[in-house]
Amino acid sequence: MEILTLVTLIVIGAYILKSRDQRQRIALLGSHLGKYQIENLMETLTEGYLRCLGEDDAARRQQIWSLLDSTEQKLSAQFDSFAAEFARVDEAQARVSKLPLAIPFAHRLFPAATFDFRQALAVHARGIAEVMRNESGRTPKAKAFTMSAELFLMQHSCHWFCKSKTVASARMLARHKTSYEQLLDAVSPGTRKAYGALTGQ
């Protein structure tokens, strides 16, 4: 009976510590993201892509693509600023556990099994900018597909930072019907390579 009580107390204590750590991470990320319109621009882009791909009139479709190009430029510029600002966060606050489940203080207990979220944001900033500039000459449809993947992977990283990889992947699957593995396959080769080297995926 005493063992059961002890185990229960340990589980409750771990849950409280985990919840407090996650609240602090959410507050930290929110304090920086709140200065930008990144989420609104993401929503505008993803909805615009769908509308454009469903447009039958070629002239109207081209007009929408042009408007989306402008939105991509704004989003890329804002994300560059956000990533540069977050880069000034203390490293200890920016470490993310690679373990699938959230464990209190895992980034301190298992430092080798972590990555730097500041570096992840830098990878995402470069990936978004590369797709936005379209130096590889993607078709509008291919560009929209790759940009969507870049944005969703960035969103996955943010959820991973705040919660855990498992929670982030579950949210991505529920919201966008896309698995983490599908995201990695769909982003640009540069992002895939840099992100894989950073996270060990």
C-alpha atoms as a PDB file:
ATOM      1  CA  MET A   1       0.000   0.000   0.000  1.00  0.00           C
ATOM      2  CA  GLU A   2       2.851   2.372   0.875  1.00  0.00           C
ATOM      3  CA  ILE A   3       4.508   1.646  -2.469  1.00  0.00           C
ATOM      4  CA  LEU A   4       1.275   2.463  -4.316  1.00  0.00           C
ATOM      5  CA  THR A   5       0.977   5.749  -2.422  1.00  0.00           C
ATOM      6  CA  LEU A   6       4.589   6.618  -3.209  1.00  0.00           C
ATOM      7  CA  VAL A   7       4.144   5.844  -6.907  1.00  0.00           C
ATOM      8  CA  THR A   8       0.972   7.949  -6.985  1.00  0.00           C
ATOM      9  CA  LEU A   9       2.775  10.891  -5.367  1.00  0.00           C
ATOM     10  CA  ILE A  10       5.661  10.582  -7.843  1.00  0.00           C
ATOM     11  CA  VAL A  11       3.272  10.530 -10.808  1.00  0.00           C
ATOM     12  CA  ILE A  12       1.368  13.560  -9.510  1.00  0.00           C
ATOM     13  CA  GLY A  13       4.608  15.420  -8.829  1.00  0.00           C
ATOM     14  CA  ALA A  14       5.954  14.635 -12.296  1.00  0.00           C
ATOM     15  CA  TYR A  15       2.708  15.833 -13.887  1.00  0.00           C
ATOM     16  CA  ILE A  16       2.835  19.122 -11.968  1.00  0.00           C
ATOM     17  CA  LEU A  17       6.462  19.723 -12.941  1.00  0.00           C
ATOM     18  CA  LYS A  18       5.776  18.828 -16.573  1.00  0.00           C
ATOM     19  CA  SER A  19       2.756  21.154 -16.717  1.00  0.00           C
ATOM     20  CA  ARG A  20       4.714  24.023 -15.196  1.00  0.00           C
ATOM     21  CA  ASP A  21       7.585  23.550 -17.631  1.00  0.00           C
ATOM     22  CA  GLN A  22       5.183  23.474 -20.591  1.00  0.00           C
ATOM     23  CA  ARG A  23       3.380  26.608 -19.413  1.00  0.00           C
ATOM     24  CA  GLN A  24       6.702  28.424 -19.193  1.00  0.00           C
ATOM     25  CA  ARG A  25       7.655  27.320 -22.712  1.00  0.00           C
ATOM     26  CA  ILE A  26       4.300  28.370 -24.140  1.00  0.00           C
ATOM     27  CA  ALA A  27       4.607  31.764 -22.433  1.00  0.00           C
ATOM     28  CA  LEU A  28       8.175  32.210 -23.703  1.00  0.00           C
ATOM     29  CA  LEU A  29       7.284  31.393 -27.295  1.00  0.00           C
ATOM     30  CA  GLY A  30       4.086  33.431 -27.133  1.00  0.00           C
ATOM     31  CA  SER A  31       5.902  36.497 -25.809  1.00  0.00           C
ATOM     32  CA  HIS A  32       8.002  36.547 -28.984  1.00  0.00           C
ATOM     33  CA  LEU A  33       5.429  35.359 -31.524  1.00  0.00           C
ATOM     34  CA  GLY A  34       2.843  37.816 -30.267  1.00  0.00           C
ATOM     35  CA  LYS A  35       4.742  40.702 -31.835  1.00  0.00           C
ATOM     36  CA  TYR A  36       4.201  39.333 -35.345  1.00  0.00           C
ATOM     37  CA  GLN A  37       1.345  38.336 -37.659  1.00  0.00           C
ATOM     38  CA  ILE A  38       2.974  35.033 -38.625  1.00  0.00           C
ATOM     39  CA  GLU A  39      -0.019  32.845 -37.757  1.00  0.00           C
ATOM     40  CA  ASN A  40      -2.460  35.097 -39.625  1.00  0.00           C
ATOM     41  CA  LEU A  41      -0.193  35.185 -42.676  1.00  0.00           C
ATOM     42  CA  MET A  42       0.121  31.386 -42.579  1.00  0.00           C
ATOM     43  CA  GLU A  43      -3.651  31.041 -42.559  1.00  0.00           C
ATOM     44  CA  THR A  44      -3.996  33.528 -45.413  1.00  0.00           C
ATOM     45  CA  LEU A  45      -1.460  31.593 -47.468  1.00  0.00           C
ATOM     46  CA  THR A  46      -2.840  28.107 -46.909  1.00  0.00           C
ATOM     47  CA  GLU A  47      -6.406  29.229 -47.629  1.00  0.00           C
ATOM     48  CA  GLY A  48      -5.195  31.182 -50.659  1.00  0.00           C
ATOM     49  CA  TYR A  49      -3.366  28.160 -52.060  1.00  0.00           C
ATOM     50  CA  LEU A  50      -6.516  26.065 -51.863  1.00  0.00           C
ATOM     51  CA  ARG A  51      -8.629  28.793 -53.457  1.00  0.00           C
ATOM     52  CA  CYS A  52      -6.131  29.295 -56.255  1.00  0.00           C
ATOM     53  CA  LEU A  53      -5.812  25.604 -57.024  1.00  0.00           C
ATOM     54  CA  GLY A  54      -9.581  25.404 -57.291  1.00  0.00           C
ATOM     55  CA  GLU A  55      -9.854  28.424 -59.616  1.00  0.00           C
ATOM     56  CA  ASP A  56     -10.732  27.543 -63.220  1.00  0.00           C
ATOM     57  CA  ASP A  57     -10.117  30.968 -64.766  1.00  0.00           C
ATOM     58  CA  ALA A  58      -6.420  31.274 -65.696  1.00  0.00           C
ATOM     59  CA  ALA A  59      -6.313  35.084 -65.419  1.00  0.00           C
ATOM     60  CA  ARG A  60      -7.976  35.049 -62.019  1.00  0.00           C
ATOM     61  CA  ARG A  61      -5.652  32.255 -60.902  1.00  0.00           C
ATOM     62  CA  GLN A  62      -2.582  34.287 -61.905  1.00  0.00           C
ATOM     63  CA  GLN A  63      -3.915  37.291 -60.033  1.00  0.00           C
ATOM     64  CA  ILE A  64      -4.291  35.225 -56.859  1.00  0.00           C
ATOM     65  CA  TRP A  65      -0.774  33.779 -57.247  1.00  0.00           C
ATOM     66  CA  SER A  66       0.611  37.325 -57.436  1.00  0.00           C
ATOM     67  CA  LEU A  67      -1.182  38.301 -54.231  1.00  0.00           C
ATOM     68  CA  LEU A  68       0.105  35.162 -52.518  1.00  0.00           C
ATOM     69  CA  ASP A  69       3.668  35.985 -53.605  1.00  0.00           C
ATOM     70  CA  SER A  70       3.345  39.248 -51.682  1.00  0.00           C
ATOM     71  CA  THR A  71       2.005  37.422 -48.620  1.00  0.00           C
ATOM     72  CA  GLU A  72       4.897  34.942 -48.775  1.00  0.00           C
ATOM     73  CA  GLN A  73       7.371  37.838 -48.790  1.00  0.00           C
ATOM     74  CA  LYS A  74       5.732  39.406 -45.738  1.00  0.00           C
ATOM     75  CA  LEU A  75       5.670  36.103 -43.874  1.00  0.00           C
ATOM     76  CA  SER A  76       9.303  35.330 -44.696  1.00  0.00           C
ATOM     77  CA  ALA A  77      10.428  38.789 -43.545  1.00  0.00           C
ATOM     78  CA  GLN A  78       8.479  38.510 -40.302  1.00  0.00           C
ATOM     79  CA  PHE A  79       9.749  35.017 -39.602  1.00  0.00           C
ATOM     80  CA  ASP A  80      13.332  36.162 -40.197  1.00  0.00           C
ATOM     81  CA  SER A  81      12.822  38.867 -37.570  1.00  0.00           C
ATOM     82  CA  PHE A  82      11.176  36.461 -35.156  1.00  0.00           C
ATOM     83  CA  ALA A  83      13.974  33.869 -35.512  1.00  0.00           C
ATOM     84  CA  ALA A  84      16.636  36.570 -35.035  1.00  0.00           C
ATOM     85  CA  GLU A  85      14.883  37.833 -31.901  1.00  0.00           C
ATOM     86  CA  PHE A  86      14.420  34.354 -30.430  1.00  0.00           C
ATOM     87  CA  ALA A  87      18.115  33.640 -31.092  1.00  0.00           C
ATOM     88  CA  ARG A  88      18.854  35.940 -28.139  1.00  0.00           C
ATOM     89  CA  VAL A  89      17.015  33.617 -25.730  1.00  0.00           C
ATOM     90  CA  ASP A  90      19.288  31.820 -23.264  1.00  0.00           C
ATOM     91  CA  GLU A  91      20.350  28.396 -24.555  1.00  0.00           C
ATOM     92  CA  ALA A  92      19.104  26.607 -21.436  1.00  0.00           C
ATOM     93  CA  GLN A  93      15.583  27.871 -22.174  1.00  0.00           C
ATOM     94  CA  ALA A  94      15.796  26.842 -25.821  1.00  0.00           C
ATOM     95  CA  ARG A  95      16.786  23.182 -25.456  1.00  0.00           C
ATOM     96  CA  VAL A  96      14.189  20.680 -26.679  1.00  0.00           C
ATOM     97  CA  SER A  97      14.058  17.033 -25.686  1.00  0.00           C
ATOM     98  CA  LYS A  98      14.197  14.516 -28.530  1.00  0.00           C
ATOM     99  CA  LEU A  99      12.447  11.936 -26.348  1.00  0.00           C
ATOM    100  CA  PRO A 100       8.983  11.088 -27.690  1.00  0.00           C
ATOM    101  CA  LEU A 101       7.174  11.915 -24.432  1.00  0.00           C
ATOM    102  CA  ALA A 102       7.426  14.938 -22.166  1.00  0.00           C
ATOM    103  CA  ILE A 103       9.543  14.217 -19.082  1.00  0.00           C
ATOM    104  CA  PRO A 104      10.129  16.961 -16.484  1.00  0.00           C
ATOM    105  CA  PHE A 105      13.588  18.526 -16.896  1.00  0.00           C
ATOM    106  CA  ALA A 106      14.488  16.024 -19.632  1.00  0.00           C
ATOM    107  CA  HIS A 107      16.554  18.712 -21.370  1.00  0.00           C
ATOM    108  CA  ARG A 108      18.676  18.927 -18.222  1.00  0.00           C
ATOM    109  CA  LEU A 109      18.707  15.262 -17.270  1.00  0.00           C
ATOM    110  CA  PHE A 110      19.517  14.037 -20.788  1.00  0.00           C
ATOM    111  CA  PRO A 111      21.326  16.937 -22.513  1.00  0.00           C
ATOM    112  CA  ALA A 112      22.674  14.663 -25.274  1.00  0.00           C
ATOM    113  CA  ALA A 113      19.085  13.887 -26.299  1.00  0.00           C
ATOM    114  CA  THR A 114      18.183  17.513 -27.016  1.00  0.00           C
ATOM    115  CA  PHE A 115      18.451  20.089 -29.792  1.00  0.00           C
ATOM    116  CA  ASP A 116      18.521  23.883 -29.837  1.00  0.00           C
ATOM    117  CA  PHE A 117      15.150  25.348 -30.815  1.00  0.00           C
ATOM    118  CA  ARG A 118      16.882  28.583 -31.835  1.00  0.00           C
ATOM    119  CA  GLN A 119      18.770  26.656 -34.511  1.00  0.00           C
ATOM    120  CA  ALA A 120      15.545  24.966 -35.625  1.00  0.00           C
ATOM    121  CA  LEU A 121      13.931  28.378 -36.151  1.00  0.00           C
ATOM    122  CA  ALA A 122      16.957  29.446 -38.208  1.00  0.00           C
ATOM    123  CA  VAL A 123      16.529  26.344 -40.389  1.00  0.00           C
ATOM    124  CA  HIS A 124      12.847  27.153 -40.883  1.00  0.00           C
ATOM    125  CA  ALA A 125      13.623  30.802 -41.712  1.00  0.00           C
ATOM    126  CA  ARG A 126      16.086  29.741 -44.411  1.00  0.00           C
ATOM    127  CA  GLY A 127      13.678  27.154 -45.801  1.00  0.00           C
ATOM    128  CA  ILE A 128      10.745  29.561 -46.001  1.00  0.00           C
ATOM    129  CA  ALA A 129      12.935  32.213 -47.651  1.00  0.00           C
ATOM    130  CA  GLU A 130      14.353  29.731 -50.175  1.00  0.00           C
ATOM    131  CA  VAL A 131      10.918  28.567 -51.264  1.00  0.00           C
ATOM    132  CA  MET A 132       9.618  32.151 -51.347  1.00  0.00           C
ATOM    133  CA  ARG A 133      12.449  33.253 -53.679  1.00  0.00           C
ATOM    134  CA  ASN A 134      11.821  30.150 -55.832  1.00  0.00           C
ATOM    135  CA  GLU A 135      15.351  30.076 -57.194  1.00  0.00           C
ATOM    136  CA  SER A 136      14.878  26.413 -58.131  1.00  0.00           C
ATOM    137  CA  GLY A 137      12.052  27.381 -60.508  1.00  0.00           C
ATOM    138  CA  ARG A 138       9.154  25.406 -59.000  1.00  0.00           C
ATOM    139  CA  THR A 139       5.794  25.694 -60.702  1.00  0.00           C
ATOM    140  CA  PRO A 140       3.229  27.728 -58.702  1.00  0.00           C
ATOM    141  CA  LYS A 141       1.516  24.515 -57.630  1.00  0.00           C
ATOM    142  CA  ALA A 142       4.801  22.866 -56.564  1.00  0.00           C
ATOM    143  CA  LYS A 143       5.870  26.031 -54.786  1.00  0.00           C
ATOM    144  CA  ALA A 144       2.591  26.158 -52.851  1.00  0.00           C
ATOM    145  CA  PHE A 145       2.960  22.493 -51.878  1.00  0.00           C
ATOM    146  CA  THR A 146       6.534  22.950 -50.657  1.00  0.00           C
ATOM    147  CA  MET A 147       5.798  26.203 -48.829  1.00  0.00           C
ATOM    148  CA  SER A 148       2.865  24.576 -47.055  1.00  0.00           C
ATOM    149  CA  ALA A 149       5.160  21.760 -45.924  1.00  0.00           C
ATOM    150  CA  GLU A 150       7.773  24.256 -44.700  1.00  0.00           C
ATOM    151  CA  LEU A 151       5.153  26.123 -42.683  1.00  0.00           C
ATOM    152  CA  PHE A 152       3.592  22.981 -41.236  1.00  0.00           C
ATOM    153  CA  LEU A 153       7.009  21.620 -40.210  1.00  0.00           C
ATOM    154  CA  MET A 154       7.757  24.939 -38.513  1.00  0.00           C
ATOM    155  CA  GLN A 155       4.421  24.674 -36.707  1.00  0.00           C
ATOM    156  CA  HIS A 156       5.337  21.126 -35.688  1.00  0.00           C
ATOM    157  CA  SER A 157       8.622  22.385 -34.225  1.00  0.00           C
ATOM    158  CA  CYS A 158       6.782  25.008 -32.173  1.00  0.00           C
ATOM    159  CA  HIS A 159       4.415  22.404 -30.748  1.00  0.00           C
ATOM    160  CA  TRP A 160       7.390  20.111 -30.094  1.00  0.00           C
ATOM    161  CA  PHE A 161       9.103  22.927 -28.165  1.00  0.00           C
ATOM    162  CA  CYS A 162       5.994  23.614 -26.086  1.00  0.00           C
ATOM    163  CA  LYS A 163       4.821  20.043 -25.496  1.00  0.00           C
ATOM    164  CA  SER A 164       6.593  17.018 -27.004  1.00  0.00           C
ATOM    165  CA  LYS A 165       7.299  15.420 -30.358  1.00  0.00           C
ATOM    166  CA  THR A 166       4.445  12.930 -29.894  1.00  0.00           C
ATOM    167  CA  VAL A 167       1.914  15.672 -29.146  1.00  0.00           C
ATOM    168  CA  ALA A 168       3.203  17.788 -32.044  1.00  0.00           C
ATOM    169  CA  SER A 169       2.882  14.890 -34.491  1.00  0.00           C
ATOM    170  CA  ALA A 170      -0.609  14.022 -33.241  1.00  0.00           C
ATOM    171  CA  ARG A 171      -1.757  17.621 -33.655  1.00  0.00           C
ATOM    172  CA  MET A 172      -0.343  17.774 -37.171  1.00  0.00           C
ATOM    173  CA  LEU A 173      -2.114  14.555 -38.134  1.00  0.00           C
ATOM    174  CA  ALA A 174      -5.418  15.708 -36.625  1.00  0.00           C
ATOM    175  CA  ARG A 175      -5.345  19.244 -38.036  1.00  0.00           C
ATOM    176  CA  HIS A 176      -3.767  18.764 -41.454  1.00  0.00           C
ATOM    177  CA  LYS A 177      -4.138  14.999 -42.026  1.00  0.00           C
ATOM    178  CA  THR A 178      -0.362  14.908 -42.516  1.00  0.00           C
ATOM    179  CA  SER A 179       2.182  12.783 -40.676  1.00  0.00           C
ATOM    180  CA  TYR A 180       5.546  14.059 -39.472  1.00  0.00           C
ATOM    181  CA  GLU A 181       7.280  11.760 -41.952  1.00  0.00           C
ATOM    182  CA  GLN A 182       5.200  13.171 -44.819  1.00  0.00           C
ATOM    183  CA  LEU A 183       6.229  16.692 -43.822  1.00  0.00           C
ATOM    184  CA  LEU A 184       9.912  15.794 -43.909  1.00  0.00           C
ATOM    185  CA  ASP A 185       9.462  14.273 -47.365  1.00  0.00           C
ATOM    186  CA  ALA A 186       7.638  17.357 -48.672  1.00  0.00           C
ATOM    187  CA  VAL A 187       9.931  20.192 -47.526  1.00  0.00           C
ATOM    188  CA  SER A 188      12.823  21.446 -49.629  1.00  0.00           C
ATOM    189  CA  PRO A 189      15.968  19.274 -49.726  1.00  0.00           C
ATOM    190  CA  GLY A 190      17.944  21.944 -47.857  1.00  0.00           C
ATOM    191  CA  THR A 191      15.451  22.056 -45.006  1.00  0.00           C
ATOM    192  CA  ARG A 192      15.221  18.282 -44.825  1.00  0.00           C
ATOM    193  CA  LYS A 193      18.987  17.885 -44.581  1.00  0.00           C
ATOM    194  CA  ALA A 194      19.540  20.679 -42.035  1.00  0.00           C
ATOM    195  CA  TYR A 195      16.526  19.723 -39.917  1.00  0.00           C
ATOM    196  CA  GLY A 196      17.519  16.064 -39.921  1.00  0.00           C
ATOM    197  CA  ALA A 197      21.076  16.897 -38.857  1.00  0.00           C
ATOM    198  CA  LEU A 198      19.766  19.056 -36.010  1.00  0.00           C
ATOM    199  CA  THR A 199      17.038  16.788 -34.649  1.00  0.00           C
ATOM    200  CA  GLY A 200      18.591  13.435 -35.558  1.00  0.00           C
ATOM    201  CA  GLN A 201      15.540  12.451 -37.639  1.00  0.00           C
END
